[in-house]
Amino acid sequence: MSPSLPFALIICTYNRPTALRKLLHTVLQQTCKPSSIVIIDASEGSLQVDFFQEFDGLPIDYYVAEPHEKGLTRQRNAGIQRVKQSVEVVCFVDDDCLLSPTYFEQLNQAYLQHPEAIGIGGYISNEAQWEQYDPQKHQAKSHFILDGYARAEAWRLRLRKAIWLGPNKPPGIWEEAGHTRSIGYLPPTGRIYPVDFLMGGVSSFKASIFKQHVFSTYFEGYGLYEDLEFCLRIRELGSLYVATAATLEHWHEPAGRPNQFKYGQMVVRNGWLIRHTYSQQKRVISTVKWHVNTILLSFLLLSKPTSKAHWAELLGRMAGLFSLVYATPQFPSK
């Protein structure tokens, strides 16, 4: 068996005791268990001692978040501060995930294969339906095809491509004009893919990175895109990968999420700030493309069966777009 790197697992949770219990049971079943587990709980009430009795086999350190530590990015930073110095890799998993039994074993193998990696992400297996590529069945106009696999192309992406607004780089590779093709478009090949960013809730990083870099406190509360900003900030220090053999399921627990109006605002304001900060091509054409895509994607929300949530998100996105004129977002000065 290959040598195992000392892993720490950080779980940030908020009002999700049932989801957290399910996740910890999947950690119990791991073929390669983390050497420490740090839980940072921002819930309205703390978990009782008997909650952890069924997980006696796990090295859990449970902390109730202080007021200044609440919010996803602040909880992650609080967890980083509590990780033991002997740890070489720090993993983050959302509290509403379920890990496959070999999740940490596959991450460990990926780090051994790529010692230059500063971060490696896991692979969400339950959010897309992939099929083996069949040229008679899967056409490029209606499907995304990569490495012998195909999945139906979202019609929003098909529309964007038809009007020259679609992404033109592989999944997980940063687009200068923003609106990048997500990591969810990497196929379940079991391969390890180079990327520019990881999804924060299924990510891991070398512990040495956190001696100089932590998650930005700009992304308060729900913290949308904080993972993208962090990865773009550190990518010059080494390589980032996604190990598609390190599988888990993400079930999007509704508890603990922001209202849709605030979510819509974050989509636009946070997206604009990251693009403005990390895109080297600040040309007019890329700026126009970002704004047109933002407006198009906002109104395409109404193409679904409309609900109060869709209208609230649309209004939030429009409010976020107009706010760029009179309240330009900025990262806090260091």
C-alpha atoms as a PDB file:
ATOM      1  CA  MET A   1       0.000   0.000   0.000  1.00  0.00           C
ATOM      2  CA  SER A   2       1.306   3.475  -0.841  1.00  0.00           C
ATOM      3  CA  PRO A   3       2.427   5.715   2.026  1.00  0.00           C
ATOM      4  CA  SER A   4      -0.312   7.948   3.373  1.00  0.00           C
ATOM      5  CA  LEU A   5       0.122  11.679   3.806  1.00  0.00           C
ATOM      6  CA  PRO A   6      -1.193  13.096   7.095  1.00  0.00           C
ATOM      7  CA  PHE A   7      -4.552  14.669   6.163  1.00  0.00           C
ATOM      8  CA  ALA A   8      -6.704  17.021   8.198  1.00  0.00           C
ATOM      9  CA  LEU A   9     -10.399  17.390   7.393  1.00  0.00           C
ATOM     10  CA  ILE A  10     -12.131  20.691   8.120  1.00  0.00           C
ATOM     11  CA  ILE A  11     -15.942  20.713   8.179  1.00  0.00           C
ATOM     12  CA  CYS A  12     -17.750  24.041   8.470  1.00  0.00           C
ATOM     13  CA  THR A  13     -21.360  23.554   9.484  1.00  0.00           C
ATOM     14  CA  TYR A  14     -24.424  25.668  10.178  1.00  0.00           C
ATOM     15  CA  ASN A  15     -27.778  24.306  11.417  1.00  0.00           C
ATOM     16  CA  ARG A  16     -27.333  20.939   9.688  1.00  0.00           C
ATOM     17  CA  PRO A  17     -26.928  18.249  12.375  1.00  0.00           C
ATOM     18  CA  THR A  18     -28.649  15.539  10.312  1.00  0.00           C
ATOM     19  CA  ALA A  19     -26.503  16.193   7.248  1.00  0.00           C
ATOM     20  CA  LEU A  20     -23.359  16.348   9.395  1.00  0.00           C
ATOM     21  CA  ARG A  21     -24.159  12.975  10.978  1.00  0.00           C
ATOM     22  CA  LYS A  22     -24.543  11.376   7.539  1.00  0.00           C
ATOM     23  CA  LEU A  23     -21.226  12.843   6.387  1.00  0.00           C
ATOM     24  CA  LEU A  24     -19.348  11.612   9.470  1.00  0.00           C
ATOM     25  CA  HIS A  25     -20.678   8.088   8.937  1.00  0.00           C
ATOM     26  CA  THR A  26     -19.102   8.113   5.466  1.00  0.00           C
ATOM     27  CA  VAL A  27     -15.822   9.299   7.028  1.00  0.00           C
ATOM     28  CA  LEU A  28     -15.983   6.298   9.372  1.00  0.00           C
ATOM     29  CA  GLN A  29     -16.084   4.021   6.315  1.00  0.00           C
ATOM     30  CA  GLN A  30     -12.945   5.458   4.681  1.00  0.00           C
ATOM     31  CA  THR A  31     -10.160   3.102   3.636  1.00  0.00           C
ATOM     32  CA  CYS A  32      -7.715   5.911   4.468  1.00  0.00           C
ATOM     33  CA  LYS A  33      -8.948   8.059   7.345  1.00  0.00           C
ATOM     34  CA  PRO A  34      -7.843  11.642   8.053  1.00  0.00           C
ATOM     35  CA  SER A  35      -5.441  12.027  10.960  1.00  0.00           C
ATOM     36  CA  SER A  36      -7.582  14.821  12.422  1.00  0.00           C
ATOM     37  CA  ILE A  37     -11.051  16.253  11.900  1.00  0.00           C
ATOM     38  CA  VAL A  38     -11.835  19.846  12.839  1.00  0.00           C
ATOM     39  CA  ILE A  39     -15.509  20.842  12.972  1.00  0.00           C
ATOM     40  CA  ILE A  40     -16.310  24.559  13.165  1.00  0.00           C
ATOM     41  CA  ASP A  41     -19.979  24.977  14.083  1.00  0.00           C
ATOM     42  CA  ALA A  42     -21.739  28.325  13.595  1.00  0.00           C
ATOM     43  CA  SER A  43     -25.174  26.912  14.432  1.00  0.00           C
ATOM     44  CA  GLU A  44     -27.614  28.673  16.723  1.00  0.00           C
ATOM     45  CA  GLY A  45     -27.105  25.918  19.290  1.00  0.00           C
ATOM     46  CA  SER A  46     -24.075  23.676  19.861  1.00  0.00           C
ATOM     47  CA  LEU A  47     -24.138  19.912  19.405  1.00  0.00           C
ATOM     48  CA  GLN A  48     -24.357  17.783  22.542  1.00  0.00           C
ATOM     49  CA  VAL A  49     -21.707  15.318  23.642  1.00  0.00           C
ATOM     50  CA  ASP A  50     -23.896  12.300  22.811  1.00  0.00           C
ATOM     51  CA  PHE A  51     -23.924  13.364  19.145  1.00  0.00           C
ATOM     52  CA  PHE A  52     -20.267  12.309  18.831  1.00  0.00           C
ATOM     53  CA  GLN A  53     -20.496   9.038  20.789  1.00  0.00           C
ATOM     54  CA  GLU A  54     -21.263   7.083  17.604  1.00  0.00           C
ATOM     55  CA  PHE A  55     -18.047   8.433  16.064  1.00  0.00           C
ATOM     56  CA  ASP A  56     -15.600   7.359  18.787  1.00  0.00           C
ATOM     57  CA  GLY A  57     -13.272   5.971  16.128  1.00  0.00           C
ATOM     58  CA  LEU A  58     -12.716   9.389  14.560  1.00  0.00           C
ATOM     59  CA  PRO A  59     -10.214  12.025  15.837  1.00  0.00           C
ATOM     60  CA  ILE A  60     -12.779  14.834  16.044  1.00  0.00           C
ATOM     61  CA  ASP A  61     -12.063  18.261  17.496  1.00  0.00           C
ATOM     62  CA  TYR A  62     -15.344  20.168  17.786  1.00  0.00           C
ATOM     63  CA  TYR A  63     -15.430  23.956  18.118  1.00  0.00           C
ATOM     64  CA  VAL A  64     -18.313  26.362  18.432  1.00  0.00           C
ATOM     65  CA  ALA A  65     -17.528  29.368  16.236  1.00  0.00           C
ATOM     66  CA  GLU A  66     -16.989  32.645  18.034  1.00  0.00           C
ATOM     67  CA  PRO A  67     -19.080  35.578  16.729  1.00  0.00           C
ATOM     68  CA  HIS A  68     -16.144  36.901  14.691  1.00  0.00           C
ATOM     69  CA  GLU A  69     -15.609  33.434  13.163  1.00  0.00           C
ATOM     70  CA  LYS A  70     -19.093  32.911  11.737  1.00  0.00           C
ATOM     71  CA  GLY A  71     -19.621  32.725   7.992  1.00  0.00           C
ATOM     72  CA  LEU A  72     -18.133  30.166   5.616  1.00  0.00           C
ATOM     73  CA  THR A  73     -14.818  31.863   4.845  1.00  0.00           C
ATOM     74  CA  ARG A  74     -14.251  32.885   8.467  1.00  0.00           C
ATOM     75  CA  GLN A  75     -15.064  29.356   9.649  1.00  0.00           C
ATOM     76  CA  ARG A  76     -12.591  27.903   7.173  1.00  0.00           C
ATOM     77  CA  ASN A  77      -9.890  30.257   8.377  1.00  0.00           C
ATOM     78  CA  ALA A  78     -10.747  29.377  11.978  1.00  0.00           C
ATOM     79  CA  GLY A  79     -10.399  25.699  11.111  1.00  0.00           C
ATOM     80  CA  ILE A  80      -7.021  26.305   9.458  1.00  0.00           C
ATOM     81  CA  GLN A  81      -5.758  27.956  12.663  1.00  0.00           C
ATOM     82  CA  ARG A  82      -6.715  24.847  14.651  1.00  0.00           C
ATOM     83  CA  VAL A  83      -5.033  22.283  12.372  1.00  0.00           C
ATOM     84  CA  LYS A  84      -2.034  20.494  13.858  1.00  0.00           C
ATOM     85  CA  GLN A  85       1.380  21.423  12.497  1.00  0.00           C
ATOM     86  CA  SER A  86       2.151  17.798  11.592  1.00  0.00           C
ATOM     87  CA  VAL A  87      -0.555  17.820   8.913  1.00  0.00           C
ATOM     88  CA  GLU A  88       0.619  18.034   5.283  1.00  0.00           C
ATOM     89  CA  VAL A  89      -2.736  18.330   3.494  1.00  0.00           C
ATOM     90  CA  VAL A  90      -5.863  20.197   4.587  1.00  0.00           C
ATOM     91  CA  CYS A  91      -9.178  18.997   3.147  1.00  0.00           C
ATOM     92  CA  PHE A  92     -12.479  20.849   3.066  1.00  0.00           C
ATOM     93  CA  VAL A  93     -15.777  19.005   2.631  1.00  0.00           C
ATOM     94  CA  ASP A  94     -19.223  20.588   2.796  1.00  0.00           C
ATOM     95  CA  ASP A  95     -21.412  19.227   5.563  1.00  0.00           C
ATOM     96  CA  ASP A  96     -24.061  18.040   3.080  1.00  0.00           C
ATOM     97  CA  CYS A  97     -21.712  15.692   1.196  1.00  0.00           C
ATOM     98  CA  LEU A  98     -21.416  11.900   1.306  1.00  0.00           C
ATOM     99  CA  LEU A  99     -17.970  10.463   0.606  1.00  0.00           C
ATOM    100  CA  SER A 100     -17.242   7.286  -1.310  1.00  0.00           C
ATOM    101  CA  PRO A 101     -15.192   4.835   0.845  1.00  0.00           C
ATOM    102  CA  THR A 102     -11.964   5.529  -1.095  1.00  0.00           C
ATOM    103  CA  TYR A 103     -12.264   9.329  -1.213  1.00  0.00           C
ATOM    104  CA  PHE A 104      -9.186  10.121   0.908  1.00  0.00           C
ATOM    105  CA  GLU A 105      -7.244   7.173  -0.497  1.00  0.00           C
ATOM    106  CA  GLN A 106      -7.711   8.548  -4.023  1.00  0.00           C
ATOM    107  CA  LEU A 107      -6.717  12.062  -2.943  1.00  0.00           C
ATOM    108  CA  ASN A 108      -3.598  10.614  -1.328  1.00  0.00           C
ATOM    109  CA  GLN A 109      -2.710   8.751  -4.533  1.00  0.00           C
ATOM    110  CA  ALA A 110      -3.170  11.936  -6.553  1.00  0.00           C
ATOM    111  CA  TYR A 111      -0.770  13.875  -4.334  1.00  0.00           C
ATOM    112  CA  LEU A 112       1.812  11.091  -4.593  1.00  0.00           C
ATOM    113  CA  GLN A 113       1.483  11.118  -8.389  1.00  0.00           C
ATOM    114  CA  HIS A 114       1.725  14.916  -8.545  1.00  0.00           C
ATOM    115  CA  PRO A 115       4.130  16.111  -5.831  1.00  0.00           C
ATOM    116  CA  GLU A 116       4.129  19.573  -7.436  1.00  0.00           C
ATOM    117  CA  ALA A 117       0.423  19.974  -6.647  1.00  0.00           C
ATOM    118  CA  ILE A 118      -0.590  22.642  -4.151  1.00  0.00           C
ATOM    119  CA  GLY A 119      -4.241  21.623  -4.282  1.00  0.00           C
ATOM    120  CA  ILE A 120      -6.367  18.708  -5.481  1.00  0.00           C
ATOM    121  CA  GLY A 121     -10.155  18.610  -5.636  1.00  0.00           C
ATOM    122  CA  GLY A 122     -12.593  15.747  -5.358  1.00  0.00           C
ATOM    123  CA  TYR A 123     -15.272  14.868  -7.895  1.00  0.00           C
ATOM    124  CA  ILE A 124     -19.028  15.225  -7.376  1.00  0.00           C
ATOM    125  CA  SER A 125     -20.661  12.137  -8.889  1.00  0.00           C
ATOM    126  CA  ASN A 126     -24.386  12.831  -8.518  1.00  0.00           C
ATOM    127  CA  GLU A 127     -24.890  16.176 -10.274  1.00  0.00           C
ATOM    128  CA  ALA A 128     -24.576  15.200 -13.951  1.00  0.00           C
ATOM    129  CA  GLN A 129     -25.621  12.241 -16.091  1.00  0.00           C
ATOM    130  CA  TRP A 130     -22.713  11.017 -18.209  1.00  0.00           C
ATOM    131  CA  GLU A 131     -22.789   8.302 -20.869  1.00  0.00           C
ATOM    132  CA  GLN A 132     -20.127   6.538 -22.889  1.00  0.00           C
ATOM    133  CA  TYR A 133     -19.745   8.517 -26.100  1.00  0.00           C
ATOM    134  CA  ASP A 134     -21.728   7.124 -29.022  1.00  0.00           C
ATOM    135  CA  PRO A 135     -21.311   9.086 -32.285  1.00  0.00           C
ATOM    136  CA  GLN A 136     -24.715   7.891 -33.449  1.00  0.00           C
ATOM    137  CA  LYS A 137     -26.431   9.181 -30.339  1.00  0.00           C
ATOM    138  CA  HIS A 138     -24.398  12.144 -29.112  1.00  0.00           C
ATOM    139  CA  GLN A 139     -24.006  15.167 -31.357  1.00  0.00           C
ATOM    140  CA  ALA A 140     -21.705  18.108 -30.653  1.00  0.00           C
ATOM    141  CA  LYS A 141     -24.581  20.582 -31.033  1.00  0.00           C
ATOM    142  CA  SER A 142     -26.552  19.069 -28.174  1.00  0.00           C
ATOM    143  CA  HIS A 143     -23.895  17.328 -26.054  1.00  0.00           C
ATOM    144  CA  PHE A 144     -20.607  18.096 -24.392  1.00  0.00           C
ATOM    145  CA  ILE A 145     -18.096  15.421 -25.352  1.00  0.00           C
ATOM    146  CA  LEU A 146     -14.735  14.812 -23.674  1.00  0.00           C
ATOM    147  CA  ASP A 147     -12.417  11.794 -23.306  1.00  0.00           C
ATOM    148  CA  GLY A 148     -14.916   9.201 -24.450  1.00  0.00           C
ATOM    149  CA  TYR A 149     -17.848  10.513 -22.407  1.00  0.00           C
ATOM    150  CA  ALA A 150     -20.838  12.679 -23.262  1.00  0.00           C
ATOM    151  CA  ARG A 151     -23.428  14.615 -21.304  1.00  0.00           C
ATOM    152  CA  ALA A 152     -26.308  16.756 -22.450  1.00  0.00           C
ATOM    153  CA  GLU A 153     -25.227  20.343 -22.944  1.00  0.00           C
ATOM    154  CA  ALA A 154     -27.287  22.779 -20.893  1.00  0.00           C
ATOM    155  CA  TRP A 155     -29.480  24.689 -23.316  1.00  0.00           C
ATOM    156  CA  ARG A 156     -28.284  27.943 -21.780  1.00  0.00           C
ATOM    157  CA  LEU A 157     -24.752  27.059 -22.874  1.00  0.00           C
ATOM    158  CA  ARG A 158     -25.999  26.054 -26.311  1.00  0.00           C
ATOM    159  CA  LEU A 159     -27.686  29.442 -26.656  1.00  0.00           C
ATOM    160  CA  ARG A 160     -24.576  31.285 -25.504  1.00  0.00           C
ATOM    161  CA  LYS A 161     -22.384  29.377 -27.970  1.00  0.00           C
ATOM    162  CA  ALA A 162     -24.813  30.161 -30.799  1.00  0.00           C
ATOM    163  CA  ILE A 163     -24.318  33.887 -30.206  1.00  0.00           C
ATOM    164  CA  TRP A 164     -20.538  33.652 -29.563  1.00  0.00           C
ATOM    165  CA  LEU A 165     -20.829  34.076 -25.800  1.00  0.00           C
ATOM    166  CA  GLY A 166     -20.038  30.518 -24.726  1.00  0.00           C
ATOM    167  CA  PRO A 167     -16.895  29.361 -22.903  1.00  0.00           C
ATOM    168  CA  ASN A 168     -14.003  28.440 -25.191  1.00  0.00           C
ATOM    169  CA  LYS A 169     -11.689  26.683 -22.714  1.00  0.00           C
ATOM    170  CA  PRO A 170     -11.822  23.226 -21.085  1.00  0.00           C
ATOM    171  CA  PRO A 171     -13.718  22.718 -17.808  1.00  0.00           C
ATOM    172  CA  GLY A 172     -12.002  24.226 -14.796  1.00  0.00           C
ATOM    173  CA  ILE A 173      -9.803  26.570 -16.829  1.00  0.00           C
ATOM    174  CA  TRP A 174     -10.254  30.276 -16.073  1.00  0.00           C
ATOM    175  CA  GLU A 175     -11.836  32.382 -18.800  1.00  0.00           C
ATOM    176  CA  GLU A 176     -10.593  35.960 -18.957  1.00  0.00           C
ATOM    177  CA  ALA A 177     -14.111  37.216 -19.642  1.00  0.00           C
ATOM    178  CA  GLY A 178     -15.555  35.180 -16.778  1.00  0.00           C
ATOM    179  CA  HIS A 179     -18.461  32.691 -16.990  1.00  0.00           C
ATOM    180  CA  THR A 180     -16.058  29.746 -17.148  1.00  0.00           C
ATOM    181  CA  ARG A 181     -17.172  26.182 -17.891  1.00  0.00           C
ATOM    182  CA  SER A 182     -17.529  24.542 -14.486  1.00  0.00           C
ATOM    183  CA  ILE A 183     -15.598  21.570 -13.115  1.00  0.00           C
ATOM    184  CA  GLY A 184     -18.846  19.599 -13.328  1.00  0.00           C
ATOM    185  CA  TYR A 185     -18.078  19.208 -17.036  1.00  0.00           C
ATOM    186  CA  LEU A 186     -15.075  16.995 -16.331  1.00  0.00           C
ATOM    187  CA  PRO A 187     -16.085  13.405 -17.209  1.00  0.00           C
ATOM    188  CA  PRO A 188     -15.938  10.475 -14.737  1.00  0.00           C
ATOM    189  CA  THR A 189     -12.858   8.895 -16.328  1.00  0.00           C
ATOM    190  CA  GLY A 190     -10.916   8.342 -13.107  1.00  0.00           C
ATOM    191  CA  ARG A 191      -8.176  10.580 -14.487  1.00  0.00           C
ATOM    192  CA  ILE A 192      -6.488  13.531 -12.818  1.00  0.00           C
ATOM    193  CA  TYR A 193      -7.127  16.794 -14.678  1.00  0.00           C
ATOM    194  CA  PRO A 194      -5.161  20.057 -14.402  1.00  0.00           C
ATOM    195  CA  VAL A 195      -7.400  23.009 -13.529  1.00  0.00           C
ATOM    196  CA  ASP A 196      -7.153  26.656 -12.496  1.00  0.00           C
ATOM    197  CA  PHE A 197      -9.587  26.428  -9.596  1.00  0.00           C
ATOM    198  CA  LEU A 198     -11.307  23.978  -7.243  1.00  0.00           C
ATOM    199  CA  MET A 199     -14.759  23.836  -5.703  1.00  0.00           C
ATOM    200  CA  GLY A 200     -14.259  24.848  -2.090  1.00  0.00           C
ATOM    201  CA  GLY A 201     -16.618  22.282  -0.591  1.00  0.00           C
ATOM    202  CA  VAL A 202     -14.724  19.353  -2.168  1.00  0.00           C
ATOM    203  CA  SER A 203     -11.179  20.696  -2.103  1.00  0.00           C
ATOM    204  CA  SER A 204      -7.827  20.073  -0.473  1.00  0.00           C
ATOM    205  CA  PHE A 205      -4.621  22.089  -0.293  1.00  0.00           C
ATOM    206  CA  LYS A 206      -1.067  21.628   0.923  1.00  0.00           C
ATOM    207  CA  ALA A 207      -0.939  22.896   4.489  1.00  0.00           C
ATOM    208  CA  SER A 208       2.145  24.995   3.693  1.00  0.00           C
ATOM    209  CA  ILE A 209      -0.008  27.263   1.486  1.00  0.00           C
ATOM    210  CA  PHE A 210      -1.871  28.534   4.544  1.00  0.00           C
ATOM    211  CA  LYS A 211       1.275  29.977   6.086  1.00  0.00           C
ATOM    212  CA  GLN A 212       0.933  32.865   3.631  1.00  0.00           C
ATOM    213  CA  HIS A 213      -2.613  32.677   2.256  1.00  0.00           C
ATOM    214  CA  VAL A 214      -6.070  32.238   3.782  1.00  0.00           C
ATOM    215  CA  PHE A 215      -9.575  32.764   2.432  1.00  0.00           C
ATOM    216  CA  SER A 216     -10.549  36.390   1.885  1.00  0.00           C
ATOM    217  CA  THR A 217     -12.857  37.844   4.526  1.00  0.00           C
ATOM    218  CA  TYR A 218     -14.509  39.901   1.769  1.00  0.00           C
ATOM    219  CA  PHE A 219     -16.728  36.880   1.102  1.00  0.00           C
ATOM    220  CA  GLU A 220     -18.786  37.028   4.277  1.00  0.00           C
ATOM    221  CA  GLY A 221     -21.735  34.855   5.157  1.00  0.00           C
ATOM    222  CA  TYR A 222     -22.488  32.285   2.462  1.00  0.00           C
ATOM    223  CA  GLY A 223     -19.203  33.098   0.718  1.00  0.00           C
ATOM    224  CA  LEU A 224     -20.051  32.633  -2.959  1.00  0.00           C
ATOM    225  CA  TYR A 225     -16.930  32.324  -5.206  1.00  0.00           C
ATOM    226  CA  GLU A 226     -14.510  32.524  -2.287  1.00  0.00           C
ATOM    227  CA  ASP A 227     -12.982  29.248  -3.519  1.00  0.00           C
ATOM    228  CA  LEU A 228     -12.439  30.635  -7.031  1.00  0.00           C
ATOM    229  CA  GLU A 229     -10.741  33.779  -5.706  1.00  0.00           C
ATOM    230  CA  PHE A 230      -8.465  31.773  -3.403  1.00  0.00           C
ATOM    231  CA  CYS A 231      -7.358  29.431  -6.175  1.00  0.00           C
ATOM    232  CA  LEU A 232      -6.677  32.229  -8.649  1.00  0.00           C
ATOM    233  CA  ARG A 233      -4.606  33.968  -5.980  1.00  0.00           C
ATOM    234  CA  ILE A 234      -2.377  30.951  -5.243  1.00  0.00           C
ATOM    235  CA  ARG A 235      -2.162  29.238  -8.652  1.00  0.00           C
ATOM    236  CA  GLU A 236       1.254  30.758  -9.398  1.00  0.00           C
ATOM    237  CA  LEU A 237       2.668  28.795  -6.432  1.00  0.00           C
ATOM    238  CA  GLY A 238       2.039  25.393  -7.991  1.00  0.00           C
ATOM    239  CA  SER A 239      -0.411  23.189  -9.844  1.00  0.00           C
ATOM    240  CA  LEU A 240      -4.074  22.484  -9.134  1.00  0.00           C
ATOM    241  CA  TYR A 241      -5.838  19.269 -10.147  1.00  0.00           C
ATOM    242  CA  VAL A 242      -9.168  17.468  -9.886  1.00  0.00           C
ATOM    243  CA  ALA A 243      -8.989  13.736  -9.153  1.00  0.00           C
ATOM    244  CA  THR A 244     -12.115  12.286 -10.736  1.00  0.00           C
ATOM    245  CA  ALA A 245     -11.560   8.966  -8.927  1.00  0.00           C
ATOM    246  CA  ALA A 246     -12.021  10.744  -5.558  1.00  0.00           C
ATOM    247  CA  THR A 247     -15.813  10.703  -5.701  1.00  0.00           C
ATOM    248  CA  LEU A 248     -18.476  12.025  -3.369  1.00  0.00           C
ATOM    249  CA  GLU A 249     -22.112  13.048  -3.541  1.00  0.00           C
ATOM    250  CA  HIS A 250     -23.344  16.571  -2.835  1.00  0.00           C
ATOM    251  CA  TRP A 251     -26.986  16.848  -1.768  1.00  0.00           C
ATOM    252  CA  HIS A 252     -27.418  20.633  -1.404  1.00  0.00           C
ATOM    253  CA  GLU A 253     -29.104  20.739   1.989  1.00  0.00           C
ATOM    254  CA  PRO A 254     -31.536  23.700   1.862  1.00  0.00           C
ATOM    255  CA  ALA A 255     -30.903  24.725   5.485  1.00  0.00           C
ATOM    256  CA  GLY A 256     -28.327  27.444   6.037  1.00  0.00           C
ATOM    257  CA  ARG A 257     -28.501  29.027   2.572  1.00  0.00           C
ATOM    258  CA  PRO A 258     -29.042  32.744   1.885  1.00  0.00           C
ATOM    259  CA  ASN A 259     -32.266  34.164   0.500  1.00  0.00           C
ATOM    260  CA  GLN A 260     -32.349  34.292  -3.283  1.00  0.00           C
ATOM    261  CA  PHE A 261     -32.183  38.085  -3.536  1.00  0.00           C
ATOM    262  CA  LYS A 262     -28.887  38.213  -1.636  1.00  0.00           C
ATOM    263  CA  TYR A 263     -27.645  35.213  -3.606  1.00  0.00           C
ATOM    264  CA  GLY A 264     -28.376  37.020  -6.874  1.00  0.00           C
ATOM    265  CA  GLN A 265     -26.465  40.074  -5.676  1.00  0.00           C
ATOM    266  CA  MET A 266     -23.465  37.928  -4.760  1.00  0.00           C
ATOM    267  CA  VAL A 267     -23.448  36.194  -8.142  1.00  0.00           C
ATOM    268  CA  VAL A 268     -22.957  39.533  -9.891  1.00  0.00           C
ATOM    269  CA  ARG A 269     -20.883  41.545  -7.426  1.00  0.00           C
ATOM    270  CA  ASN A 270     -18.517  38.750  -6.432  1.00  0.00           C
ATOM    271  CA  GLY A 271     -18.195  37.590 -10.033  1.00  0.00           C
ATOM    272  CA  TRP A 272     -17.373  41.107 -11.211  1.00  0.00           C
ATOM    273  CA  LEU A 273     -14.757  41.643  -8.501  1.00  0.00           C
ATOM    274  CA  ILE A 274     -12.934  38.390  -9.253  1.00  0.00           C
ATOM    275  CA  ARG A 275     -12.910  39.020 -12.983  1.00  0.00           C
ATOM    276  CA  HIS A 276     -11.773  42.615 -12.515  1.00  0.00           C
ATOM    277  CA  THR A 277      -8.964  41.489 -10.181  1.00  0.00           C
ATOM    278  CA  TYR A 278      -7.630  38.401 -11.974  1.00  0.00           C
ATOM    279  CA  SER A 279      -8.339  38.910 -15.667  1.00  0.00           C
ATOM    280  CA  GLN A 280      -5.303  40.197 -17.488  1.00  0.00           C
ATOM    281  CA  GLN A 281      -7.351  41.042 -20.576  1.00  0.00           C
ATOM    282  CA  LYS A 282      -9.362  44.055 -19.460  1.00  0.00           C
ATOM    283  CA  ARG A 283     -10.193  44.872 -23.061  1.00  0.00           C
ATOM    284  CA  VAL A 284     -13.517  46.355 -24.057  1.00  0.00           C
ATOM    285  CA  ILE A 285     -14.616  43.185 -25.862  1.00  0.00           C
ATOM    286  CA  SER A 286     -14.120  40.930 -22.815  1.00  0.00           C
ATOM    287  CA  THR A 287     -15.818  43.477 -20.559  1.00  0.00           C
ATOM    288  CA  VAL A 288     -18.824  43.664 -22.874  1.00  0.00           C
ATOM    289  CA  LYS A 289     -18.951  39.871 -23.075  1.00  0.00           C
ATOM    290  CA  TRP A 290     -19.037  39.584 -19.274  1.00  0.00           C
ATOM    291  CA  HIS A 291     -21.877  42.119 -18.944  1.00  0.00           C
ATOM    292  CA  VAL A 292     -23.954  40.629 -21.761  1.00  0.00           C
ATOM    293  CA  ASN A 293     -23.523  37.126 -20.326  1.00  0.00           C
ATOM    294  CA  THR A 294     -24.501  38.384 -16.887  1.00  0.00           C
ATOM    295  CA  ILE A 295     -27.706  39.995 -18.166  1.00  0.00           C
ATOM    296  CA  LEU A 296     -28.558  37.004 -20.385  1.00  0.00           C
ATOM    297  CA  LEU A 297     -28.074  34.449 -17.620  1.00  0.00           C
ATOM    298  CA  SER A 298     -30.131  36.580 -15.258  1.00  0.00           C
ATOM    299  CA  PHE A 299     -33.200  36.709 -17.497  1.00  0.00           C
ATOM    300  CA  LEU A 300     -32.852  33.043 -18.440  1.00  0.00           C
ATOM    301  CA  LEU A 301     -33.901  32.317 -14.857  1.00  0.00           C
ATOM    302  CA  LEU A 302     -37.429  33.078 -16.049  1.00  0.00           C
ATOM    303  CA  SER A 303     -37.227  30.299 -18.628  1.00  0.00           C
ATOM    304  CA  LYS A 304     -37.780  27.824 -15.797  1.00  0.00           C
ATOM    305  CA  PRO A 305     -41.163  27.369 -14.117  1.00  0.00           C
ATOM    306  CA  THR A 306     -41.160  30.734 -12.415  1.00  0.00           C
ATOM    307  CA  SER A 307     -41.372  31.014  -8.656  1.00  0.00           C
ATOM    308  CA  LYS A 308     -40.809  33.668  -6.021  1.00  0.00           C
ATOM    309  CA  ALA A 309     -37.248  32.370  -5.658  1.00  0.00           C
ATOM    310  CA  HIS A 310     -36.502  32.888  -9.368  1.00  0.00           C
ATOM    311  CA  TRP A 311     -37.928  36.399  -9.337  1.00  0.00           C
ATOM    312  CA  ALA A 312     -36.014  37.216  -6.147  1.00  0.00           C
ATOM    313  CA  GLU A 313     -32.733  36.008  -7.661  1.00  0.00           C
ATOM    314  CA  LEU A 314     -33.371  37.944 -10.880  1.00  0.00           C
ATOM    315  CA  LEU A 315     -34.057  41.134  -8.929  1.00  0.00           C
ATOM    316  CA  GLY A 316     -30.964  40.477  -6.824  1.00  0.00           C
ATOM    317  CA  ARG A 317     -28.806  40.088  -9.934  1.00  0.00           C
ATOM    318  CA  MET A 318     -30.172  43.277 -11.453  1.00  0.00           C
ATOM    319  CA  ALA A 319     -29.638  45.152  -8.195  1.00  0.00           C
ATOM    320  CA  GLY A 320     -26.096  43.790  -8.083  1.00  0.00           C
ATOM    321  CA  LEU A 321     -25.441  44.902 -11.652  1.00  0.00           C
ATOM    322  CA  PHE A 322     -26.699  48.455 -11.066  1.00  0.00           C
ATOM    323  CA  SER A 323     -24.751  48.661  -7.798  1.00  0.00           C
ATOM    324  CA  LEU A 324     -21.491  48.292  -9.743  1.00  0.00           C
ATOM    325  CA  VAL A 325     -22.010  51.889 -10.893  1.00  0.00           C
ATOM    326  CA  TYR A 326     -22.300  53.560  -7.499  1.00  0.00           C
ATOM    327  CA  ALA A 327     -20.782  51.003  -5.058  1.00  0.00           C
ATOM    328  CA  THR A 328     -17.907  49.233  -6.807  1.00  0.00           C
ATOM    329  CA  PRO A 329     -16.820  46.160  -4.811  1.00  0.00           C
ATOM    330  CA  GLN A 330     -13.251  46.131  -3.513  1.00  0.00           C
ATOM    331  CA  PHE A 331     -11.184  43.667  -1.553  1.00  0.00           C
ATOM    332  CA  PRO A 332     -10.233  44.945   1.917  1.00  0.00           C
ATOM    333  CA  SER A 333      -6.852  46.627   1.976  1.00  0.00           C
ATOM    334  CA  LYS A 334      -4.118  44.669   3.693  1.00  0.00           C
END
